[in-house]
Amino acid sequence: QVQLVESGGGLVQAGGSLRLSCVVSGSMFSINAMGWYRQAPGKQRESVASVTNGGITGYADSVKGRFTISRENAKNTVYLQMNNLKPDDTGVYYCNAVLWSSLRRWGQGTQVTVST
């Protein structure tokens, strides 16, 4: 059973940086792709960044050039490096895993708040 635990959220001023971590318990070999989503108050959850098993990455237009997703298989961890943060980046960030069976797993979320 794959389980995800996020960490690294917090309060930061606009222009600052944060690095989110998602630790995966269970077999990484059962995972096809991983990603980060966020949900701002009153808005739908949206995809922010993704990385496939082959290392192909994808980003939402709003974060391109500022966010970087990476995975460290030896530590069963996926990271989201967030630079030049903006108030619009505020929200709960969720780690997501897409299994080869097409099932999805979600973490519990970590709050990111960017102040002006």
PDB file of N, CA and C in Angstrom:
ATOM      1  N   GLN A   1       0.849  -1.184   0.000  1.00  0.00           N
ATOM      2  CA  GLN A   1       0.000   0.000   0.000  1.00  0.00           C
ATOM      3  C   GLN A   1       0.889   1.241   0.000  1.00  0.00           C
ATOM      4  N   VAL A   2       0.727   2.068  -1.021  1.00  0.00           N
ATOM      5  CA  VAL A   2       1.509   3.296  -1.121  1.00  0.00           C
ATOM      6  C   VAL A   2       0.875   4.375  -0.263  1.00  0.00           C
ATOM      7  N   GLN A   3       1.684   5.010   0.567  1.00  0.00           N
ATOM      8  CA  GLN A   3       1.229   6.140   1.368  1.00  0.00           C
ATOM      9  C   GLN A   3       2.178   7.302   1.173  1.00  0.00           C
ATOM     10  N   LEU A   4       1.622   8.524   1.236  1.00  0.00           N
ATOM     11  CA  LEU A   4       2.405   9.727   0.965  1.00  0.00           C
ATOM     12  C   LEU A   4       2.322  10.668   2.160  1.00  0.00           C
ATOM     13  N   VAL A   5       3.445  11.241   2.545  1.00  0.00           N
ATOM     14  CA  VAL A   5       3.470  12.205   3.637  1.00  0.00           C
ATOM     15  C   VAL A   5       4.244  13.436   3.179  1.00  0.00           C
ATOM     16  N   GLU A   6       3.552  14.585   3.164  1.00  0.00           N
ATOM     17  CA  GLU A   6       4.182  15.830   2.752  1.00  0.00           C
ATOM     18  C   GLU A   6       4.735  16.589   3.954  1.00  0.00           C
ATOM     19  N   SER A   7       5.711  17.429   3.682  1.00  0.00           N
ATOM     20  CA  SER A   7       6.243  18.341   4.693  1.00  0.00           C
ATOM     21  C   SER A   7       6.907  19.509   3.979  1.00  0.00           C
ATOM     22  N   GLY A   8       7.217  20.550   4.761  1.00  0.00           N
ATOM     23  CA  GLY A   8       7.966  21.675   4.202  1.00  0.00           C
ATOM     24  C   GLY A   8       7.167  22.936   3.973  1.00  0.00           C
ATOM     25  N   GLY A   9       5.866  22.885   4.201  1.00  0.00           N
ATOM     26  CA  GLY A   9       5.067  24.087   4.029  1.00  0.00           C
ATOM     27  C   GLY A   9       5.348  25.105   5.125  1.00  0.00           C
ATOM     28  N   GLY A  10       4.778  26.285   4.960  1.00  0.00           N
ATOM     29  CA  GLY A  10       4.970  27.314   5.967  1.00  0.00           C
ATOM     30  C   GLY A  10       4.558  28.674   5.462  1.00  0.00           C
ATOM     31  N   LEU A  11       4.941  29.690   6.222  1.00  0.00           N
ATOM     32  CA  LEU A  11       4.647  31.079   5.891  1.00  0.00           C
ATOM     33  C   LEU A  11       5.921  31.725   5.358  1.00  0.00           C
ATOM     34  N   VAL A  12       5.804  32.369   4.204  1.00  0.00           N
ATOM     35  CA  VAL A  12       6.978  33.005   3.600  1.00  0.00           C
ATOM     36  C   VAL A  12       6.534  34.309   2.941  1.00  0.00           C
ATOM     37  N   GLN A  13       7.443  35.264   2.887  1.00  0.00           N
ATOM     38  CA  GLN A  13       7.132  36.526   2.217  1.00  0.00           C
ATOM     39  C   GLN A  13       7.232  36.352   0.703  1.00  0.00           C
ATOM     40  N   ALA A  14       6.520  37.190  -0.009  1.00  0.00           N
ATOM     41  CA  ALA A  14       6.589  37.176  -1.475  1.00  0.00           C
ATOM     42  C   ALA A  14       8.050  37.331  -1.911  1.00  0.00           C
ATOM     43  N   GLY A  15       8.434  36.544  -2.906  1.00  0.00           N
ATOM     44  CA  GLY A  15       9.817  36.532  -3.373  1.00  0.00           C
ATOM     45  C   GLY A  15      10.675  35.477  -2.709  1.00  0.00           C
ATOM     46  N   GLY A  16      10.172  34.874  -1.644  1.00  0.00           N
ATOM     47  CA  GLY A  16      10.916  33.867  -0.916  1.00  0.00           C
ATOM     48  C   GLY A  16      10.807  32.492  -1.543  1.00  0.00           C
ATOM     49  N   SER A  17      11.399  31.515  -0.851  1.00  0.00           N
ATOM     50  CA  SER A  17      11.446  30.144  -1.369  1.00  0.00           C
ATOM     51  C   SER A  17      11.034  29.146  -0.285  1.00  0.00           C
ATOM     52  N   LEU A  18      10.518  28.036  -0.743  1.00  0.00           N
ATOM     53  CA  LEU A  18      10.221  26.894   0.116  1.00  0.00           C
ATOM     54  C   LEU A  18      10.512  25.626  -0.677  1.00  0.00           C
ATOM     55  N   ARG A  19      10.851  24.558   0.036  1.00  0.00           N
ATOM     56  CA  ARG A  19      10.988  23.249  -0.611  1.00  0.00           C
ATOM     57  C   ARG A  19      10.058  22.271   0.085  1.00  0.00           C
ATOM     58  N   LEU A  20       9.133  21.728  -0.673  1.00  0.00           N
ATOM     59  CA  LEU A  20       8.231  20.710  -0.159  1.00  0.00           C
ATOM     60  C   LEU A  20       8.818  19.327  -0.423  1.00  0.00           C
ATOM     61  N   SER A  21       8.567  18.426   0.518  1.00  0.00           N
ATOM     62  CA  SER A  21       9.008  17.043   0.371  1.00  0.00           C
ATOM     63  C   SER A  21       7.814  16.113   0.484  1.00  0.00           C
ATOM     64  N   CYS A  22       7.856  15.035  -0.246  1.00  0.00           N
ATOM     65  CA  CYS A  22       6.820  14.002  -0.185  1.00  0.00           C
ATOM     66  C   CYS A  22       7.527  12.657  -0.065  1.00  0.00           C
ATOM     67  N   VAL A  23       7.393  12.049   1.102  1.00  0.00           N
ATOM     68  CA  VAL A  23       8.012  10.753   1.331  1.00  0.00           C
ATOM     69  C   VAL A  23       7.007   9.656   1.026  1.00  0.00           C
ATOM     70  N   VAL A  24       7.435   8.707   0.239  1.00  0.00           N
ATOM     71  CA  VAL A  24       6.576   7.605  -0.192  1.00  0.00           C
ATOM     72  C   VAL A  24       6.904   6.353   0.611  1.00  0.00           C
ATOM     73  N   SER A  25       5.901   5.780   1.249  1.00  0.00           N
ATOM     74  CA  SER A  25       6.084   4.474   1.879  1.00  0.00           C
ATOM     75  C   SER A  25       5.401   3.439   0.994  1.00  0.00           C
ATOM     76  N   GLY A  26       6.007   2.259   0.946  1.00  0.00           N
ATOM     77  CA  GLY A  26       5.523   1.259   0.001  1.00  0.00           C
ATOM     78  C   GLY A  26       6.439   1.237  -1.205  1.00  0.00           C
ATOM     79  N   SER A  27       6.079   0.485  -2.194  1.00  0.00           N
ATOM     80  CA  SER A  27       6.957   0.274  -3.331  1.00  0.00           C
ATOM     81  C   SER A  27       6.872   1.403  -4.349  1.00  0.00           C
ATOM     82  N   MET A  28       8.026   2.049  -4.602  1.00  0.00           N
ATOM     83  CA  MET A  28       8.081   3.072  -5.643  1.00  0.00           C
ATOM     84  C   MET A  28       7.872   2.435  -7.013  1.00  0.00           C
ATOM     85  N   PHE A  29       8.134   1.120  -7.134  1.00  0.00           N
ATOM     86  CA  PHE A  29       8.009   0.455  -8.428  1.00  0.00           C
ATOM     87  C   PHE A  29       6.561   0.336  -8.878  1.00  0.00           C
ATOM     88  N   SER A  30       5.624   0.544  -7.939  1.00  0.00           N
ATOM     89  CA  SER A  30       4.208   0.489  -8.303  1.00  0.00           C
ATOM     90  C   SER A  30       3.697   1.837  -8.816  1.00  0.00           C
ATOM     91  N   ILE A  31       4.586   2.851  -8.802  1.00  0.00           N
ATOM     92  CA  ILE A  31       4.186   4.208  -9.161  1.00  0.00           C
ATOM     93  C   ILE A  31       4.629   4.552 -10.575  1.00  0.00           C
ATOM     94  N   ASN A  32       3.704   5.042 -11.369  1.00  0.00           N
ATOM     95  CA  ASN A  32       3.983   5.453 -12.746  1.00  0.00           C
ATOM     96  C   ASN A  32       4.444   6.897 -12.796  1.00  0.00           C
ATOM     97  N   ALA A  33       3.759   7.749 -12.077  1.00  0.00           N
ATOM     98  CA  ALA A  33       4.094   9.176 -12.104  1.00  0.00           C
ATOM     99  C   ALA A  33       3.711   9.782 -10.761  1.00  0.00           C
ATOM    100  N   MET A  34       4.365  10.909 -10.471  1.00  0.00           N
ATOM    101  CA  MET A  34       4.037  11.623  -9.236  1.00  0.00           C
ATOM    102  C   MET A  34       3.881  13.098  -9.548  1.00  0.00           C
ATOM    103  N   GLY A  35       3.157  13.784  -8.683  1.00  0.00           N
ATOM    104  CA  GLY A  35       2.952  15.200  -8.940  1.00  0.00           C
ATOM    105  C   GLY A  35       2.564  15.945  -7.679  1.00  0.00           C
ATOM    106  N   TRP A  36       2.532  17.239  -7.841  1.00  0.00           N
ATOM    107  CA  TRP A  36       2.066  18.141  -6.786  1.00  0.00           C
ATOM    108  C   TRP A  36       0.848  18.897  -7.292  1.00  0.00           C
ATOM    109  N   TYR A  37      -0.147  18.993  -6.443  1.00  0.00           N
ATOM    110  CA  TYR A  37      -1.357  19.755  -6.708  1.00  0.00           C
ATOM    111  C   TYR A  37      -1.492  20.802  -5.599  1.00  0.00           C
ATOM    112  N   ARG A  38      -2.300  21.818  -5.849  1.00  0.00           N
ATOM    113  CA  ARG A  38      -2.587  22.781  -4.794  1.00  0.00           C
ATOM    114  C   ARG A  38      -4.055  23.181  -4.866  1.00  0.00           C
ATOM    115  N   GLN A  39      -4.545  23.611  -3.713  1.00  0.00           N
ATOM    116  CA  GLN A  39      -5.926  24.070  -3.642  1.00  0.00           C
ATOM    117  C   GLN A  39      -5.978  25.329  -2.795  1.00  0.00           C
ATOM    118  N   ALA A  40      -6.366  26.416  -3.440  1.00  0.00           N
ATOM    119  CA  ALA A  40      -6.526  27.685  -2.739  1.00  0.00           C
ATOM    120  C   ALA A  40      -7.948  27.763  -2.186  1.00  0.00           C
ATOM    121  N   PRO A  41      -8.157  28.577  -1.162  1.00  0.00           N
ATOM    122  CA  PRO A  41      -9.505  28.704  -0.582  1.00  0.00           C
ATOM    123  C   PRO A  41     -10.530  29.090  -1.638  1.00  0.00           C
ATOM    124  N   GLY A  42     -11.618  28.340  -1.693  1.00  0.00           N
ATOM    125  CA  GLY A  42     -12.689  28.644  -2.629  1.00  0.00           C
ATOM    126  C   GLY A  42     -12.422  28.242  -4.061  1.00  0.00           C
ATOM    127  N   LYS A  43     -11.298  27.574  -4.321  1.00  0.00           N
ATOM    128  CA  LYS A  43     -10.955  27.180  -5.681  1.00  0.00           C
ATOM    129  C   LYS A  43     -10.797  25.680  -5.791  1.00  0.00           C
ATOM    130  N   GLN A  44     -10.839  25.182  -7.028  1.00  0.00           N
ATOM    131  CA  GLN A  44     -10.643  23.765  -7.253  1.00  0.00           C
ATOM    132  C   GLN A  44      -9.167  23.397  -7.138  1.00  0.00           C
ATOM    133  N   ARG A  45      -8.929  22.149  -6.823  1.00  0.00           N
ATOM    134  CA  ARG A  45      -7.563  21.653  -6.782  1.00  0.00           C
ATOM    135  C   ARG A  45      -6.997  21.658  -8.203  1.00  0.00           C
ATOM    136  N   GLU A  46      -5.759  22.120  -8.331  1.00  0.00           N
ATOM    137  CA  GLU A  46      -5.136  22.203  -9.646  1.00  0.00           C
ATOM    138  C   GLU A  46      -3.761  21.565  -9.638  1.00  0.00           C
ATOM    139  N   SER A  47      -3.385  21.041 -10.799  1.00  0.00           N
ATOM    140  CA  SER A  47      -2.072  20.441 -10.930  1.00  0.00           C
ATOM    141  C   SER A  47      -1.012  21.544 -11.011  1.00  0.00           C
ATOM    142  N   VAL A  48       0.083  21.333 -10.313  1.00  0.00           N
ATOM    143  CA  VAL A  48       1.179  22.297 -10.308  1.00  0.00           C
ATOM    144  C   VAL A  48       2.378  21.755 -11.080  1.00  0.00           C
ATOM    145  N   ALA A  49       2.755  20.524 -10.783  1.00  0.00           N
ATOM    146  CA  ALA A  49       3.929  19.939 -11.423  1.00  0.00           C
ATOM    147  C   ALA A  49       3.827  18.425 -11.375  1.00  0.00           C
ATOM    148  N   SER A  50       4.479  17.769 -12.325  1.00  0.00           N
ATOM    149  CA  SER A  50       4.453  16.316 -12.358  1.00  0.00           C
ATOM    150  C   SER A  50       5.781  15.786 -12.880  1.00  0.00           C
ATOM    151  N   VAL A  51       6.063  14.535 -12.534  1.00  0.00           N
ATOM    152  CA  VAL A  51       7.262  13.868 -13.045  1.00  0.00           C
ATOM    153  C   VAL A  51       6.930  12.407 -13.266  1.00  0.00           C
ATOM    154  N   THR A  52       7.270  11.895 -14.435  1.00  0.00           N
ATOM    155  CA  THR A  52       6.995  10.501 -14.748  1.00  0.00           C
ATOM    156  C   THR A  52       8.103   9.604 -14.229  1.00  0.00           C
ATOM    157  N   ASN A  53       7.870   8.309 -14.339  1.00  0.00           N
ATOM    158  CA  ASN A  53       8.879   7.343 -13.921  1.00  0.00           C
ATOM    159  C   ASN A  53      10.149   7.504 -14.743  1.00  0.00           C
ATOM    160  N   GLY A  54       9.994   7.991 -15.959  1.00  0.00           N
ATOM    161  CA  GLY A  54      11.149   8.202 -16.827  1.00  0.00           C
ATOM    162  C   GLY A  54      11.812   9.547 -16.657  1.00  0.00           C
ATOM    163  N   GLY A  55      11.306  10.345 -15.726  1.00  0.00           N
ATOM    164  CA  GLY A  55      11.936  11.629 -15.444  1.00  0.00           C
ATOM    165  C   GLY A  55      11.414  12.805 -16.248  1.00  0.00           C
ATOM    166  N   ILE A  56      10.349  12.598 -17.015  1.00  0.00           N
ATOM    167  CA  ILE A  56       9.780  13.705 -17.790  1.00  0.00           C
ATOM    168  C   ILE A  56       8.937  14.570 -16.859  1.00  0.00           C
ATOM    169  N   THR A  57       9.196  15.872 -16.892  1.00  0.00           N
ATOM    170  CA  THR A  57       8.494  16.792 -15.998  1.00  0.00           C
ATOM    171  C   THR A  57       7.506  17.662 -16.764  1.00  0.00           C
ATOM    172  N   GLY A  58       6.517  18.148 -16.038  1.00  0.00           N
ATOM    173  CA  GLY A  58       5.539  19.066 -16.599  1.00  0.00           C
ATOM    174  C   GLY A  58       5.120  20.066 -15.545  1.00  0.00           C
ATOM    175  N   TYR A  59       4.775  21.273 -15.971  1.00  0.00           N
ATOM    176  CA  TYR A  59       4.445  22.347 -15.038  1.00  0.00           C
ATOM    177  C   TYR A  59       3.235  23.132 -15.522  1.00  0.00           C
ATOM    178  N   ALA A  60       2.488  23.653 -14.553  1.00  0.00           N
ATOM    179  CA  ALA A  60       1.444  24.611 -14.877  1.00  0.00           C
ATOM    180  C   ALA A  60       2.111  25.887 -15.370  1.00  0.00           C
ATOM    181  N   ASP A  61       1.444  26.579 -16.286  1.00  0.00           N
ATOM    182  CA  ASP A  61       2.022  27.809 -16.834  1.00  0.00           C
ATOM    183  C   ASP A  61       2.341  28.817 -15.744  1.00  0.00           C
ATOM    184  N   SER A  62       1.520  28.841 -14.715  1.00  0.00           N
ATOM    185  CA  SER A  62       1.671  29.848 -13.662  1.00  0.00           C
ATOM    186  C   SER A  62       2.932  29.657 -12.822  1.00  0.00           C
ATOM    187  N   VAL A  63       3.548  28.474 -12.894  1.00  0.00           N
ATOM    188  CA  VAL A  63       4.723  28.219 -12.046  1.00  0.00           C
ATOM    189  C   VAL A  63       5.983  27.939 -12.860  1.00  0.00           C
ATOM    190  N   LYS A  64       5.862  27.884 -14.179  1.00  0.00           N
ATOM    191  CA  LYS A  64       7.033  27.603 -15.008  1.00  0.00           C
ATOM    192  C   LYS A  64       8.127  28.629 -14.772  1.00  0.00           C
ATOM    193  N   GLY A  65       9.341  28.131 -14.620  1.00  0.00           N
ATOM    194  CA  GLY A  65      10.479  29.011 -14.371  1.00  0.00           C
ATOM    195  C   GLY A  65      10.679  29.348 -12.909  1.00  0.00           C
ATOM    196  N   ARG A  66       9.710  28.998 -12.063  1.00  0.00           N
ATOM    197  CA  ARG A  66       9.822  29.290 -10.627  1.00  0.00           C
ATOM    198  C   ARG A  66       9.863  28.021  -9.786  1.00  0.00           C
ATOM    199  N   PHE A  67       9.133  26.997 -10.200  1.00  0.00           N
ATOM    200  CA  PHE A  67       9.046  25.743  -9.434  1.00  0.00           C
ATOM    201  C   PHE A  67       9.807  24.643 -10.169  1.00  0.00           C
ATOM    202  N   THR A  68      10.388  23.741  -9.386  1.00  0.00           N
ATOM    203  CA  THR A  68      11.081  22.590  -9.951  1.00  0.00           C
ATOM    204  C   THR A  68      10.689  21.339  -9.181  1.00  0.00           C
ATOM    205  N   ILE A  69      10.236  20.328  -9.911  1.00  0.00           N
ATOM    206  CA  ILE A  69       9.904  19.049  -9.290  1.00  0.00           C
ATOM    207  C   ILE A  69      11.054  18.085  -9.538  1.00  0.00           C
ATOM    208  N   SER A  70      11.366  17.286  -8.536  1.00  0.00           N
ATOM    209  CA  SER A  70      12.427  16.298  -8.699  1.00  0.00           C
ATOM    210  C   SER A  70      12.106  15.094  -7.829  1.00  0.00           C
ATOM    211  N   ARG A  71      12.726  13.974  -8.148  1.00  0.00           N
ATOM    212  CA  ARG A  71      12.515  12.777  -7.343  1.00  0.00           C
ATOM    213  C   ARG A  71      13.856  12.137  -7.018  1.00  0.00           C
ATOM    214  N   GLU A  72      13.964  11.650  -5.820  1.00  0.00           N
ATOM    215  CA  GLU A  72      15.165  10.970  -5.354  1.00  0.00           C
ATOM    216  C   GLU A  72      14.750   9.568  -4.961  1.00  0.00           C
ATOM    217  N   ASN A  73      14.877   8.650  -5.908  1.00  0.00           N
ATOM    218  CA  ASN A  73      14.363   7.299  -5.692  1.00  0.00           C
ATOM    219  C   ASN A  73      15.030   6.598  -4.520  1.00  0.00           C
ATOM    220  N   ALA A  74      16.296   6.879  -4.279  1.00  0.00           N
ATOM    221  CA  ALA A  74      17.003   6.217  -3.183  1.00  0.00           C
ATOM    222  C   ALA A  74      16.392   6.566  -1.831  1.00  0.00           C
ATOM    223  N   LYS A  75      15.737   7.742  -1.760  1.00  0.00           N
ATOM    224  CA  LYS A  75      15.106   8.170  -0.512  1.00  0.00           C
ATOM    225  C   LYS A  75      13.585   8.090  -0.590  1.00  0.00           C
ATOM    226  N   ASN A  76      13.063   7.516  -1.687  1.00  0.00           N
ATOM    227  CA  ASN A  76      11.609   7.428  -1.867  1.00  0.00           C
ATOM    228  C   ASN A  76      10.939   8.789  -1.646  1.00  0.00           C
ATOM    229  N   THR A  77      11.537   9.824  -2.216  1.00  0.00           N
ATOM    230  CA  THR A  77      11.075  11.181  -1.951  1.00  0.00           C
ATOM    231  C   THR A  77      10.947  11.971  -3.248  1.00  0.00           C
ATOM    232  N   VAL A  78       9.897  12.773  -3.297  1.00  0.00           N
ATOM    233  CA  VAL A  78       9.698  13.725  -4.391  1.00  0.00           C
ATOM    234  C   VAL A  78       9.695  15.118  -3.774  1.00  0.00           C
ATOM    235  N   TYR A  79      10.360  16.035  -4.455  1.00  0.00           N
ATOM    236  CA  TYR A  79      10.484  17.396  -3.952  1.00  0.00           C
ATOM    237  C   TYR A  79       9.785  18.389  -4.887  1.00  0.00           C
ATOM    238  N   LEU A  80       9.396  19.509  -4.310  1.00  0.00           N
ATOM    239  CA  LEU A  80       8.944  20.650  -5.102  1.00  0.00           C
ATOM    240  C   LEU A  80       9.682  21.873  -4.578  1.00  0.00           C
ATOM    241  N   GLN A  81      10.660  22.336  -5.350  1.00  0.00           N
ATOM    242  CA  GLN A  81      11.379  23.556  -5.002  1.00  0.00           C
ATOM    243  C   GLN A  81      10.600  24.732  -5.564  1.00  0.00           C
ATOM    244  N   MET A  82      10.228  25.655  -4.701  1.00  0.00           N
ATOM    245  CA  MET A  82       9.414  26.798  -5.096  1.00  0.00           C
ATOM    246  C   MET A  82      10.191  28.078  -4.825  1.00  0.00           C
ATOM    247  N   ASN A  83      10.508  28.797  -5.884  1.00  0.00           N
ATOM    248  CA  ASN A  83      11.250  30.049  -5.774  1.00  0.00           C
ATOM    249  C   ASN A  83      10.383  31.217  -6.230  1.00  0.00           C
ATOM    250  N   ASN A  84      10.791  32.419  -5.824  1.00  0.00           N
ATOM    251  CA  ASN A  84      10.058  33.632  -6.210  1.00  0.00           C
ATOM    252  C   ASN A  84       8.556  33.458  -5.972  1.00  0.00           C
ATOM    253  N   LEU A  85       8.226  33.061  -4.766  1.00  0.00           N
ATOM    254  CA  LEU A  85       6.827  32.793  -4.449  1.00  0.00           C
ATOM    255  C   LEU A  85       5.985  34.057  -4.485  1.00  0.00           C
ATOM    256  N   LYS A  86       4.736  33.874  -4.888  1.00  0.00           N
ATOM    257  CA  LYS A  86       3.786  34.979  -5.001  1.00  0.00           C
ATOM    258  C   LYS A  86       2.578  34.693  -4.119  1.00  0.00           C
ATOM    259  N   PRO A  87       1.843  35.730  -3.711  1.00  0.00           N
ATOM    260  CA  PRO A  87       0.645  35.497  -2.891  1.00  0.00           C
ATOM    261  C   PRO A  87      -0.338  34.527  -3.549  1.00  0.00           C
ATOM    262  N   ASP A  88      -0.410  34.520  -4.877  1.00  0.00           N
ATOM    263  CA  ASP A  88      -1.307  33.597  -5.580  1.00  0.00           C
ATOM    264  C   ASP A  88      -0.888  32.136  -5.444  1.00  0.00           C
ATOM    265  N   ASP A  89       0.315  31.888  -4.947  1.00  0.00           N
ATOM    266  CA  ASP A  89       0.769  30.515  -4.718  1.00  0.00           C
ATOM    267  C   ASP A  89       0.236  29.946  -3.408  1.00  0.00           C
ATOM    268  N   THR A  90      -0.434  30.769  -2.627  1.00  0.00           N
ATOM    269  CA  THR A  90      -0.981  30.329  -1.343  1.00  0.00           C
ATOM    270  C   THR A  90      -2.006  29.221  -1.532  1.00  0.00           C
ATOM    271  N   GLY A  91      -1.921  28.209  -0.686  1.00  0.00           N
ATOM    272  CA  GLY A  91      -2.872  27.119  -0.739  1.00  0.00           C
ATOM    273  C   GLY A  91      -2.357  25.898  -0.013  1.00  0.00           C
ATOM    274  N   VAL A  92      -3.174  24.857  -0.016  1.00  0.00           N
ATOM    275  CA  VAL A  92      -2.732  23.574   0.518  1.00  0.00           C
ATOM    276  C   VAL A  92      -2.145  22.769  -0.637  1.00  0.00           C
ATOM    277  N   TYR A  93      -0.934  22.302  -0.452  1.00  0.00           N
ATOM    278  CA  TYR A  93      -0.228  21.549  -1.483  1.00  0.00           C
ATOM    279  C   TYR A  93      -0.305  20.055  -1.163  1.00  0.00           C
ATOM    280  N   TYR A  94      -0.707  19.289  -2.168  1.00  0.00           N
ATOM    281  CA  TYR A  94      -0.885  17.851  -2.005  1.00  0.00           C
ATOM    282  C   TYR A  94       0.059  17.092  -2.925  1.00  0.00           C
ATOM    283  N   CYS A  95       0.647  16.062  -2.396  1.00  0.00           N
ATOM    284  CA  CYS A  95       1.441  15.134  -3.194  1.00  0.00           C
ATOM    285  C   CYS A  95       0.507  14.064  -3.752  1.00  0.00           C
ATOM    286  N   ASN A  96       0.758  13.665  -4.982  1.00  0.00           N
ATOM    287  CA  ASN A  96      -0.094  12.693  -5.650  1.00  0.00           C
ATOM    288  C   ASN A  96       0.763  11.642  -6.341  1.00  0.00           C
ATOM    289  N   ALA A  97       0.324  10.403  -6.256  1.00  0.00           N
ATOM    290  CA  ALA A  97       0.994   9.313  -6.971  1.00  0.00           C
ATOM    291  C   ALA A  97      -0.016   8.600  -7.858  1.00  0.00           C
ATOM    292  N   VAL A  98       0.355   8.389  -9.104  1.00  0.00           N
ATOM    293  CA  VAL A  98      -0.466   7.622 -10.034  1.00  0.00           C
ATOM    294  C   VAL A  98       0.175   6.253 -10.187  1.00  0.00           C
ATOM    295  N   LEU A  99      -0.547   5.240  -9.780  1.00  0.00           N
ATOM    296  CA  LEU A  99      -0.008   3.895  -9.837  1.00  0.00           C
ATOM    297  C   LEU A  99      -0.154   3.308 -11.233  1.00  0.00           C
ATOM    298  N   TRP A 100       0.601   2.262 -11.503  1.00  0.00           N
ATOM    299  CA  TRP A 100       0.504   1.586 -12.796  1.00  0.00           C
ATOM    300  C   TRP A 100      -0.914   1.022 -13.011  1.00  0.00           C
ATOM    301  N   SER A 101      -1.620   0.768 -11.918  1.00  0.00           N
ATOM    302  CA  SER A 101      -2.993   0.281 -12.007  1.00  0.00           C
ATOM    303  C   SER A 101      -3.982   1.406 -12.301  1.00  0.00           C
ATOM    304  N   SER A 102      -3.477   2.640 -12.441  1.00  0.00           N
ATOM    305  CA  SER A 102      -4.275   3.853 -12.668  1.00  0.00           C
ATOM    306  C   SER A 102      -4.946   4.385 -11.406  1.00  0.00           C
ATOM    307  N   LEU A 103      -4.789   3.681 -10.291  1.00  0.00           N
ATOM    308  CA  LEU A 103      -5.287   4.225  -9.034  1.00  0.00           C
ATOM    309  C   LEU A 103      -4.428   5.416  -8.613  1.00  0.00           C
ATOM    310  N   ARG A 104      -5.008   6.308  -7.834  1.00  0.00           N
ATOM    311  CA  ARG A 104      -4.275   7.468  -7.330  1.00  0.00           C
ATOM    312  C   ARG A 104      -4.191   7.414  -5.809  1.00  0.00           C
ATOM    313  N   ARG A 105      -3.110   7.946  -5.312  1.00  0.00           N
ATOM    314  CA  ARG A 105      -2.916   8.096  -3.870  1.00  0.00           C
ATOM    315  C   ARG A 105      -2.608   9.568  -3.600  1.00  0.00           C
ATOM    316  N   TRP A 106      -3.127  10.046  -2.455  1.00  0.00           N
ATOM    317  CA  TRP A 106      -2.927  11.440  -2.061  1.00  0.00           C
ATOM    318  C   TRP A 106      -2.319  11.514  -0.672  1.00  0.00           C
ATOM    319  N   GLY A 107      -1.519  12.540  -0.455  1.00  0.00           N
ATOM    320  CA  GLY A 107      -1.044  12.838   0.882  1.00  0.00           C
ATOM    321  C   GLY A 107      -2.077  13.688   1.611  1.00  0.00           C
ATOM    322  N   GLN A 108      -1.745  14.061   2.840  1.00  0.00           N
ATOM    323  CA  GLN A 108      -2.687  14.806   3.673  1.00  0.00           C
ATOM    324  C   GLN A 108      -2.640  16.308   3.396  1.00  0.00           C
ATOM    325  N   GLY A 109      -1.609  16.763   2.690  1.00  0.00           N
ATOM    326  CA  GLY A 109      -1.494  18.179   2.347  1.00  0.00           C
ATOM    327  C   GLY A 109      -0.624  18.955   3.318  1.00  0.00           C
ATOM    328  N   THR A 110      -0.008  20.007   2.794  1.00  0.00           N
ATOM    329  CA  THR A 110       0.787  20.901   3.620  1.00  0.00           C
ATOM    330  C   THR A 110       0.470  22.333   3.201  1.00  0.00           C
ATOM    331  N   GLN A 111       0.284  23.211   4.181  1.00  0.00           N
ATOM    332  CA  GLN A 111      -0.145  24.580   3.916  1.00  0.00           C
ATOM    333  C   GLN A 111       1.044  25.453   3.519  1.00  0.00           C
ATOM    334  N   VAL A 112       0.848  26.192   2.436  1.00  0.00           N
ATOM    335  CA  VAL A 112       1.819  27.206   2.016  1.00  0.00           C
ATOM    336  C   VAL A 112       1.102  28.547   2.004  1.00  0.00           C
ATOM    337  N   THR A 113       1.652  29.512   2.723  1.00  0.00           N
ATOM    338  CA  THR A 113       1.070  30.845   2.778  1.00  0.00           C
ATOM    339  C   THR A 113       2.139  31.859   2.394  1.00  0.00           C
ATOM    340  N   VAL A 114       1.831  32.651   1.367  1.00  0.00           N
ATOM    341  CA  VAL A 114       2.770  33.664   0.890  1.00  0.00           C
ATOM    342  C   VAL A 114       2.177  35.037   1.200  1.00  0.00           C
ATOM    343  N   SER A 115       2.900  35.802   1.990  1.00  0.00           N
ATOM    344  CA  SER A 115       2.413  37.121   2.384  1.00  0.00           C
ATOM    345  C   SER A 115       3.008  38.204   1.481  1.00  0.00           C
ATOM    346  N   THR A 116       2.296  39.326   1.407  1.00  0.00           N
ATOM    347  CA  THR A 116       2.786  40.447   0.584  1.00  0.00           C
ATOM    348  C   THR A 116       3.814  41.261   1.342  1.00  0.00           C
TER     349      THR A 116
END
